[in-house]
Amino acid sequence: MLKLKPEIWSKDGKKQFVVLSYEQYEAIRERLEDAEDARLLQESRKRQAGAPTISLAEMKRRLGIAGHRPSRRVHRVGKSR
């Protein structure tokens, strides 16, 4: 849970401003962005429900990359063979 320590500023006896540390501001901003991303993902999933899909293997085949694996060679620095 995010613990905030806001400072409330008043003007003419009415609360006008909230002051947060930069770290608190960034934490709130990140959570708002995450919430927006989650909302967009949920909307997209609802729109795409029932749409035809293809497997990862089929997509690789269509893109012409099926069967290709990245090289796992280890390159040693400073040693010759």
C-alpha atoms as a PDB file:
ATOM      1  CA  MET A   1       0.000   0.000   0.000  1.00  0.00           C
ATOM      2  CA  LEU A   2       1.202   3.455  -0.878  1.00  0.00           C
ATOM      3  CA  LYS A   3       1.737   5.637   2.171  1.00  0.00           C
ATOM      4  CA  LEU A   4       1.369   9.318   1.410  1.00  0.00           C
ATOM      5  CA  LYS A   5       2.413  12.216   3.553  1.00  0.00           C
ATOM      6  CA  PRO A   6       0.712  15.138   1.824  1.00  0.00           C
ATOM      7  CA  GLU A   7       1.072  18.724   2.933  1.00  0.00           C
ATOM      8  CA  ILE A   8      -2.194  20.645   2.559  1.00  0.00           C
ATOM      9  CA  TRP A   9      -1.984  24.357   1.755  1.00  0.00           C
ATOM     10  CA  SER A  10      -4.900  26.667   2.369  1.00  0.00           C
ATOM     11  CA  LYS A  11      -5.871  30.016   0.939  1.00  0.00           C
ATOM     12  CA  ASP A  12      -8.536  32.182   2.527  1.00  0.00           C
ATOM     13  CA  GLY A  13      -9.294  29.364   4.967  1.00  0.00           C
ATOM     14  CA  LYS A  14     -10.046  26.846   2.197  1.00  0.00           C
ATOM     15  CA  LYS A  15      -7.900  23.901   1.204  1.00  0.00           C
ATOM     16  CA  GLN A  16      -6.322  24.801  -2.131  1.00  0.00           C
ATOM     17  CA  PHE A  17      -3.212  22.717  -2.787  1.00  0.00           C
ATOM     18  CA  VAL A  18      -1.632  19.389  -1.953  1.00  0.00           C
ATOM     19  CA  VAL A  19       2.151  19.118  -1.865  1.00  0.00           C
ATOM     20  CA  LEU A  20       3.800  15.706  -2.189  1.00  0.00           C
ATOM     21  CA  SER A  21       7.397  14.625  -2.361  1.00  0.00           C
ATOM     22  CA  TYR A  22       8.625  13.884  -5.861  1.00  0.00           C
ATOM     23  CA  GLU A  23       8.899  10.178  -4.979  1.00  0.00           C
ATOM     24  CA  GLN A  24       5.253  10.094  -3.867  1.00  0.00           C
ATOM     25  CA  TYR A  25       4.190  11.940  -7.009  1.00  0.00           C
ATOM     26  CA  GLU A  26       6.066   9.425  -9.205  1.00  0.00           C
ATOM     27  CA  ALA A  27       4.537   6.469  -7.333  1.00  0.00           C
ATOM     28  CA  ILE A  28       1.028   7.871  -7.860  1.00  0.00           C
ATOM     29  CA  ARG A  29       1.727   8.619 -11.525  1.00  0.00           C
ATOM     30  CA  GLU A  30       3.022   5.088 -12.137  1.00  0.00           C
ATOM     31  CA  ARG A  31      -0.012   3.536 -10.459  1.00  0.00           C
ATOM     32  CA  LEU A  32      -2.365   5.690 -12.523  1.00  0.00           C
ATOM     33  CA  GLU A  33      -0.561   4.636 -15.711  1.00  0.00           C
ATOM     34  CA  ASP A  34      -0.755   0.972 -14.661  1.00  0.00           C
ATOM     35  CA  ALA A  35      -4.487   1.350 -13.955  1.00  0.00           C
ATOM     36  CA  GLU A  36      -5.012   2.942 -17.384  1.00  0.00           C
ATOM     37  CA  ASP A  37      -3.045   0.124 -19.065  1.00  0.00           C
ATOM     38  CA  ALA A  38      -5.153  -2.459 -17.233  1.00  0.00           C
ATOM     39  CA  ARG A  39      -8.358  -0.702 -18.282  1.00  0.00           C
ATOM     40  CA  LEU A  40      -7.266  -0.581 -21.928  1.00  0.00           C
ATOM     41  CA  LEU A  41      -6.275  -4.259 -21.845  1.00  0.00           C
ATOM     42  CA  GLN A  42      -9.626  -5.226 -20.368  1.00  0.00           C
ATOM     43  CA  GLU A  43     -11.500  -3.224 -23.033  1.00  0.00           C
ATOM     44  CA  SER A  44      -9.416  -4.810 -25.773  1.00  0.00           C
ATOM     45  CA  ARG A  45     -10.078  -8.304 -24.448  1.00  0.00           C
ATOM     46  CA  LYS A  46     -13.832  -7.612 -24.404  1.00  0.00           C
ATOM     47  CA  ARG A  47     -13.734  -6.336 -28.010  1.00  0.00           C
ATOM     48  CA  GLN A  48     -11.670  -9.319 -29.158  1.00  0.00           C
ATOM     49  CA  ALA A  49     -13.716 -11.969 -27.337  1.00  0.00           C
ATOM     50  CA  GLY A  50     -14.651 -14.694 -29.800  1.00  0.00           C
ATOM     51  CA  ALA A  51     -12.299 -13.404 -32.506  1.00  0.00           C
ATOM     52  CA  PRO A  52     -10.373 -16.075 -34.412  1.00  0.00           C
ATOM     53  CA  THR A  53      -6.839 -16.694 -33.185  1.00  0.00           C
ATOM     54  CA  ILE A  54      -3.723 -18.507 -34.351  1.00  0.00           C
ATOM     55  CA  SER A  55      -0.978 -20.214 -32.391  1.00  0.00           C
ATOM     56  CA  LEU A  56       2.517 -18.821 -31.906  1.00  0.00           C
ATOM     57  CA  ALA A  57       3.884 -21.628 -34.093  1.00  0.00           C
ATOM     58  CA  GLU A  58       1.487 -20.649 -36.908  1.00  0.00           C
ATOM     59  CA  MET A  59       2.444 -16.986 -36.620  1.00  0.00           C
ATOM     60  CA  LYS A  60       6.147 -17.894 -36.833  1.00  0.00           C
ATOM     61  CA  ARG A  61       5.417 -20.036 -39.890  1.00  0.00           C
ATOM     62  CA  ARG A  62       3.561 -17.155 -41.555  1.00  0.00           C
ATOM     63  CA  LEU A  63       6.411 -14.773 -40.786  1.00  0.00           C
ATOM     64  CA  GLY A  64       8.962 -17.248 -42.053  1.00  0.00           C
ATOM     65  CA  ILE A  65      10.791 -17.555 -38.762  1.00  0.00           C
ATOM     66  CA  ALA A  66       9.671 -21.023 -37.702  1.00  0.00           C
ATOM     67  CA  GLY A  67      12.504 -23.223 -36.501  1.00  0.00           C
ATOM     68  CA  HIS A  68      14.992 -20.389 -36.033  1.00  0.00           C
ATOM     69  CA  ARG A  69      16.569 -20.272 -32.611  1.00  0.00           C
ATOM     70  CA  PRO A  70      18.989 -17.691 -31.304  1.00  0.00           C
ATOM     71  CA  SER A  71      22.615 -18.745 -31.118  1.00  0.00           C
ATOM     72  CA  ARG A  72      23.723 -19.916 -27.688  1.00  0.00           C
ATOM     73  CA  ARG A  73      27.433 -19.594 -28.327  1.00  0.00           C
ATOM     74  CA  VAL A  74      29.486 -18.319 -25.452  1.00  0.00           C
ATOM     75  CA  HIS A  75      32.088 -15.755 -26.398  1.00  0.00           C
ATOM     76  CA  ARG A  76      35.011 -15.723 -24.029  1.00  0.00           C
ATOM     77  CA  VAL A  77      36.937 -12.522 -23.782  1.00  0.00           C
ATOM     78  CA  GLY A  78      40.708 -12.705 -23.561  1.00  0.00           C
ATOM     79  CA  LYS A  79      41.091 -16.407 -24.261  1.00  0.00           C
ATOM     80  CA  SER A  80      41.983 -17.925 -27.603  1.00  0.00           C
ATOM     81  CA  ARG A  81      41.122 -21.437 -28.691  1.00  0.00           C
END
